[in-house]
Protein backbone atom coordinates (compact mmCIF):
# COMPACT_ATOMS: atom_id res chain seq x y z
CA UNK A 1 118.56 34.81 137.17
CA UNK A 2 116.23 37.10 135.23
CA UNK A 3 117.84 40.15 133.61
CA UNK A 4 115.85 43.20 132.54
CA UNK A 5 116.64 45.94 130.03
CA UNK A 6 115.40 49.51 130.45
CA UNK A 7 116.69 51.73 127.68
CA UNK A 8 114.72 54.77 128.85
CA UNK A 9 114.48 54.65 132.67
CA UNK A 10 113.04 57.51 134.68
CA UNK A 11 112.85 58.97 138.13
CA UNK A 12 109.13 58.68 138.92
CA UNK A 13 107.70 61.44 141.09
CA UNK A 14 104.27 60.50 142.44
CA UNK A 15 102.35 63.57 143.58
CA UNK A 16 99.09 63.44 145.59
CA UNK A 17 96.66 66.34 145.39
CA UNK A 18 93.15 66.54 146.83
CA UNK A 19 90.76 67.96 144.26
CA UNK A 20 92.85 68.88 141.21
CA UNK A 21 91.48 72.04 139.59
CA UNK A 22 92.61 72.90 136.06
CA UNK A 23 93.82 76.46 135.36
CA UNK A 24 94.15 77.10 139.12
CA UNK A 25 96.99 76.89 141.66
CA UNK A 26 97.01 73.45 143.25
CA UNK A 27 98.94 72.32 146.33
CA UNK A 28 100.16 68.76 146.69
CA UNK A 29 100.21 67.13 150.11
CA UNK A 30 102.59 64.24 149.44
CA UNK A 31 105.34 63.37 146.95
CA UNK A 32 107.15 60.05 146.64
CA UNK A 33 110.05 59.14 144.37
CA UNK A 34 110.59 55.75 142.73
CA UNK A 35 113.08 54.18 140.36
CA UNK A 36 110.94 53.92 137.25
CA UNK A 37 110.97 52.42 133.78
CA UNK A 38 109.26 49.25 132.61
CA UNK A 39 112.27 46.93 132.85
CA UNK A 40 113.18 48.27 136.28
CA UNK A 41 109.58 47.69 137.40
CA UNK A 42 109.79 44.10 136.17
CA UNK A 43 112.98 43.57 138.20
CA UNK A 44 111.34 45.09 141.28
CA UNK A 45 108.34 42.76 140.95
CA UNK A 46 110.54 39.69 140.31
CA UNK A 47 112.63 40.57 143.37
CA UNK A 48 109.51 41.01 145.48
CA UNK A 49 108.52 37.44 144.60
CA UNK A 50 111.88 36.14 145.84
CA UNK A 51 113.69 35.51 142.55
CA UNK A 52 117.15 36.72 141.51
CA UNK A 53 117.22 39.55 139.01
CA UNK A 54 119.51 42.25 137.66
CA UNK A 55 118.34 45.52 136.11
CA UNK A 56 120.38 46.84 133.17
CA UNK A 57 120.04 49.97 131.08
CA UNK A 58 121.29 53.51 130.57
CA UNK A 59 121.55 56.20 133.26
CA UNK A 60 122.94 59.71 133.49
CA UNK A 61 123.03 62.83 135.64
CA UNK A 62 121.74 63.47 139.14
CA UNK A 63 118.47 61.69 138.33
CA UNK A 64 120.40 58.57 137.36
CA UNK A 65 122.36 58.63 140.61
CA UNK A 66 119.13 59.00 142.55
CA UNK A 67 117.69 55.96 140.78
CA UNK A 68 120.75 53.92 141.75
CA UNK A 69 120.39 55.06 145.35
CA UNK A 70 116.72 54.02 145.42
CA UNK A 71 117.52 50.60 143.95
CA UNK A 72 120.36 50.11 146.43
CA UNK A 73 117.96 50.87 149.29
CA UNK A 74 115.63 48.18 147.94
CA UNK A 75 118.45 45.65 147.73
CA UNK A 76 118.07 45.25 143.96
CA UNK A 77 121.04 44.26 141.77
CA UNK A 78 121.72 46.57 138.85
CA UNK A 79 124.28 47.66 136.29
CA UNK A 80 123.64 50.75 134.20
CA UNK A 81 125.82 52.07 131.41
CA UNK A 82 126.64 55.75 132.06
CA UNK A 83 125.48 58.36 129.55
CA UNK A 84 126.32 62.06 129.26
CA UNK A 85 122.77 63.46 129.31
CA UNK A 86 120.58 63.26 132.45
CA UNK A 87 117.97 60.55 132.84
CA UNK A 88 114.38 61.80 132.50
CA UNK A 89 111.90 62.49 135.30
CA UNK A 90 108.25 61.48 134.96
CA UNK A 91 105.34 62.75 137.03
CA UNK A 92 102.29 60.80 138.23
CA UNK A 93 99.61 63.15 139.56
CA UNK A 94 96.98 61.37 141.66
CA UNK A 95 93.81 63.14 142.77
CA UNK A 96 92.86 61.62 146.13
CA UNK A 97 89.40 63.17 145.85
CA UNK A 98 88.34 61.77 142.48
CA UNK A 99 90.80 58.83 142.42
CA UNK A 100 91.92 59.89 138.95
CA UNK A 101 95.51 59.70 137.78
CA UNK A 102 97.43 61.70 135.17
CA UNK A 103 100.88 60.73 133.90
CA UNK A 104 103.39 63.18 132.42
CA UNK A 105 106.25 61.34 130.70
CA UNK A 106 109.38 62.96 129.29
CA UNK A 107 110.89 61.67 126.00
CA UNK A 108 114.27 60.89 127.53
CA UNK A 109 117.92 61.81 126.89
CA UNK A 110 119.64 61.49 123.52
CA UNK A 111 121.95 58.46 123.39
CA UNK A 112 125.22 58.77 121.48
CA UNK A 113 126.33 55.79 119.31
CA UNK A 114 129.41 55.05 121.50
CA UNK A 115 127.15 54.93 124.58
CA UNK A 116 124.83 52.44 122.90
CA UNK A 117 127.79 50.30 121.84
CA UNK A 118 129.09 50.31 125.40
CA UNK A 119 125.62 49.29 126.64
CA UNK A 120 125.60 46.25 124.31
CA UNK A 121 128.95 45.17 125.73
CA UNK A 122 127.83 45.75 129.34
CA UNK A 123 124.61 43.80 128.84
CA UNK A 124 126.49 40.87 127.31
CA UNK A 125 128.71 40.70 130.38
CA UNK A 126 126.16 41.44 133.11
CA UNK A 127 123.50 39.05 131.78
CA UNK A 128 125.89 36.11 131.40
CA UNK A 129 124.39 34.36 134.44
CA UNK A 130 120.81 35.00 133.29
CA UNK A 131 118.80 32.51 131.28
CA UNK A 132 116.03 35.00 130.47
CA UNK A 133 116.10 38.68 129.50
CA UNK A 134 113.07 40.96 129.64
CA UNK A 135 113.26 43.97 127.33
CA UNK A 136 110.68 46.62 128.10
CA UNK A 137 109.59 50.13 127.44
CA UNK A 138 110.14 53.11 125.22
CA UNK A 139 113.36 53.96 123.41
CA UNK A 140 115.16 57.30 123.93
CA UNK A 141 116.26 59.59 121.08
CA UNK A 142 119.34 58.49 119.21
CA UNK A 143 118.59 54.76 119.46
CA UNK A 144 117.66 52.98 116.19
CA UNK A 145 114.27 51.30 115.78
CA UNK A 146 116.10 47.99 115.29
CA UNK A 147 117.50 48.02 118.83
CA UNK A 148 115.22 45.30 120.22
CA UNK A 149 115.74 43.19 117.10
CA UNK A 150 119.48 43.39 117.71
CA UNK A 151 119.22 42.60 121.42
CA UNK A 152 116.85 39.66 120.94
CA UNK A 153 118.94 38.22 118.11
CA UNK A 154 122.10 38.29 120.25
CA UNK A 155 120.25 36.77 123.21
CA UNK A 156 118.86 33.93 121.10
CA UNK A 157 122.34 33.09 119.79
CA UNK A 158 123.44 32.76 123.42
CA UNK A 159 120.55 30.41 124.17
CA UNK A 160 118.62 32.87 126.34
CA UNK A 161 114.85 33.24 126.50
CA UNK A 162 113.49 36.72 125.76
CA UNK A 163 110.37 38.71 126.58
CA UNK A 164 109.54 41.92 124.72
CA UNK A 165 107.12 44.56 126.01
CA UNK A 166 107.17 47.67 123.85
CA UNK A 167 105.08 49.35 121.16
CA UNK A 168 105.03 50.82 117.67
CA UNK A 169 107.93 50.33 115.30
CA UNK A 170 110.07 48.91 118.10
CA UNK A 171 107.57 46.09 118.63
CA UNK A 172 107.26 45.48 114.89
CA UNK A 173 111.03 45.24 114.42
CA UNK A 174 111.55 43.22 117.60
CA UNK A 175 109.03 40.60 116.49
CA UNK A 176 111.25 39.80 113.51
CA UNK A 177 113.83 38.36 115.93
CA UNK A 178 111.23 35.89 117.31
CA UNK A 179 111.10 36.65 121.05
CA UNK A 180 109.73 33.94 123.33
CA UNK A 181 106.89 36.18 124.50
CA UNK A 182 105.47 39.60 123.70
CA UNK A 183 102.86 41.48 125.74
CA UNK A 184 101.15 44.42 124.07
CA UNK A 185 97.95 45.88 125.46
CA UNK A 186 94.92 46.24 123.20
CA UNK A 187 95.89 49.70 121.98
CA UNK A 188 99.42 48.56 121.13
CA UNK A 189 98.10 45.45 119.36
CA UNK A 190 95.70 47.62 117.36
CA UNK A 191 98.58 49.88 116.33
CA UNK A 192 100.68 46.89 115.30
CA UNK A 193 97.94 45.28 113.21
CA UNK A 194 96.31 48.47 111.91
CA UNK A 195 92.76 47.65 112.98
CA UNK A 196 90.39 47.95 115.93
CA UNK A 197 90.02 45.04 118.35
CA UNK A 198 86.58 45.45 119.88
CA UNK A 199 85.41 41.91 120.61
CA UNK A 200 86.94 38.89 122.29
CA UNK A 201 86.90 37.02 118.98
CA UNK A 202 88.86 39.83 117.31
CA UNK A 203 91.42 39.81 120.14
CA UNK A 204 91.86 36.04 119.79
CA UNK A 205 92.46 36.37 116.05
CA UNK A 206 94.93 39.19 116.72
CA UNK A 207 96.85 37.05 119.22
CA UNK A 208 97.11 34.23 116.69
CA UNK A 209 98.27 36.63 113.99
CA UNK A 210 101.01 38.10 116.19
CA UNK A 211 102.24 34.57 116.94
CA UNK A 212 102.55 34.04 113.19
CA UNK A 213 104.53 37.31 113.00
CA UNK A 214 107.21 35.85 115.26
CA UNK A 215 106.08 35.70 118.89
CA UNK A 216 106.46 32.36 120.64
CA UNK A 217 103.68 33.36 123.04
CA UNK A 218 101.45 36.37 122.49
CA UNK A 219 99.77 37.95 125.51
CA UNK A 220 97.29 40.77 124.97
CA UNK A 221 96.44 42.55 128.21
CA UNK A 222 92.94 43.95 128.52
CA UNK A 223 93.09 45.98 131.73
CA UNK A 224 90.41 45.04 134.25
CA UNK A 225 89.17 42.33 131.86
CA UNK A 226 92.39 40.34 132.29
CA UNK A 227 94.39 38.98 129.37
CA UNK A 228 94.28 36.59 126.44
CA UNK A 229 97.34 34.43 125.73
CA UNK A 230 98.13 32.28 122.69
CA UNK A 231 101.10 30.03 121.94
CA UNK A 232 99.91 28.84 118.52
CA UNK A 233 98.38 25.68 119.99
CA UNK A 234 96.01 26.98 122.66
CA UNK A 235 94.27 30.18 123.66
CA UNK A 236 93.69 31.03 127.31
CA UNK A 237 91.78 33.87 128.95
CA UNK A 238 92.72 34.79 132.52
CA UNK A 239 90.94 37.34 134.70
CA UNK A 240 90.39 38.29 138.32
CA UNK A 241 87.48 39.60 140.34
CA UNK A 242 86.96 43.36 140.64
CA UNK A 243 89.34 45.22 142.94
CA UNK A 244 89.46 48.88 143.88
CA UNK A 245 92.27 50.42 141.84
CA UNK A 246 94.70 52.63 143.74
CA UNK A 247 97.22 52.96 140.90
CA UNK A 248 97.67 51.35 137.49
CA UNK A 249 101.36 52.28 137.32
CA UNK A 250 103.45 49.13 136.95
CA UNK A 251 100.49 46.74 136.72
CA UNK A 252 101.48 45.58 133.23
CA UNK A 253 105.11 45.28 134.32
CA UNK A 254 104.07 43.12 137.28
CA UNK A 255 102.16 40.92 134.84
CA UNK A 256 105.26 40.62 132.66
CA UNK A 257 107.28 39.71 135.76
CA UNK A 258 104.84 36.87 136.43
CA UNK A 259 105.32 35.50 132.93
CA UNK A 260 109.11 35.87 133.25
CA UNK A 261 109.11 33.84 136.47
CA UNK A 262 106.91 31.19 134.88
CA UNK A 263 109.05 30.93 131.74
CA UNK A 264 112.14 30.65 133.92
CA UNK A 265 110.53 27.78 135.86
CA UNK A 266 109.13 26.03 132.81
CA UNK A 267 105.50 26.44 133.89
CA UNK A 268 102.56 25.69 131.61
CA UNK A 269 100.86 28.54 129.77
CA UNK A 270 97.90 28.25 132.14
CA UNK A 271 100.15 28.57 135.20
CA UNK A 272 101.94 31.53 133.62
CA UNK A 273 98.64 33.30 132.95
CA UNK A 274 97.51 32.68 136.52
CA UNK A 275 100.68 34.14 138.03
CA UNK A 276 100.78 37.06 135.59
CA UNK A 277 97.20 38.14 136.35
CA UNK A 278 97.66 37.60 140.09
CA UNK A 279 100.72 39.87 140.10
CA UNK A 280 99.02 42.49 137.92
CA UNK A 281 95.94 42.47 140.14
CA UNK A 282 98.05 42.80 143.28
CA UNK A 283 99.88 45.77 141.72
CA UNK A 284 96.75 47.90 141.19
CA UNK A 285 95.92 47.50 144.88
CA UNK A 286 98.98 49.53 145.92
CA UNK A 287 99.37 53.33 145.67
CA UNK A 288 101.87 55.14 143.48
CA UNK A 289 104.41 52.82 141.92
CA UNK A 290 104.71 50.37 144.81
CA UNK A 291 103.90 47.45 142.45
CA UNK A 292 102.72 44.10 143.82
CA UNK A 293 103.24 42.67 147.29
CA UNK A 294 103.97 38.97 147.65
CA UNK A 295 101.20 38.32 150.19
CA UNK A 296 98.62 39.90 147.87
CA UNK A 297 99.85 37.75 144.97
CA UNK A 298 99.50 34.61 147.09
CA UNK A 299 95.95 35.66 147.98
CA UNK A 300 94.95 36.13 144.35
CA UNK A 301 96.64 33.09 142.80
CA UNK A 302 93.85 30.57 143.60
CA UNK A 303 91.20 33.16 142.74
CA UNK A 304 92.25 33.83 139.14
CA UNK A 305 89.66 32.63 136.61
CA UNK A 306 91.14 30.59 133.77
CA UNK A 307 89.15 29.74 130.63
CA UNK A 308 90.36 27.86 127.57
CA UNK A 309 89.07 29.38 124.34
CA UNK A 310 88.54 27.83 120.95
């Protein structure tokens, strides 16, 4: 089983408008709600591909109950530690005329120390049957910057594989615990290393450097250009053909789900890159936060371009 951790989940509200006009009154013509948060998205994508998963994290208030209802309707296993403050709502505004998307993300509820302690205990129990834990996303107020370091360290002592997908100081601290795989995008890698990454050669050097910082496998996602992965021995670039993008929400999480499945199966790095890019490509083909569909992933798998780099 693959467990996921979402410390700062959200109730995603996807709103469609036709011709968004700033400083004017706009009327939306459709709104959809989804259980959101990077770890939850990873679990949804893993489940879509037919693998067992459990989503763990922190939830509170009416928004938290609505997230649980949505996950129950999808048939997804979950266990969330209750918190006193309500879970955040995030808004994705999609202009169906220009095909442009704007995201409005809330910071999240403040987590009290006893709530965080209870979460650690819950995760230890609920992830007992899982051999791999994916830890993704932002961290809400009240949670120390060392949280991912602590979680990864405990998981390693229990013999579990770990994937980390976060940014800033949380990524920097988490790397010290030596996760099996980390997946920043270019902007997040630039922030971590303190320099611009403008060429493929610079991205390759960055991937190698982040491996030396503690990552077992470093994956730098490059949007429509695919990704570059390095495990300290080899560097692989994986990309797909152009597709019309309906929504980028959850594309990176679908990619992470592909790597989680591959790590769980013991696939080669090349196979992991192929599945990750296929799932990420399939995700951008769906509207809102629908994520990838299995039939689209199967279509893209043999069409992913793999290139070994020096």
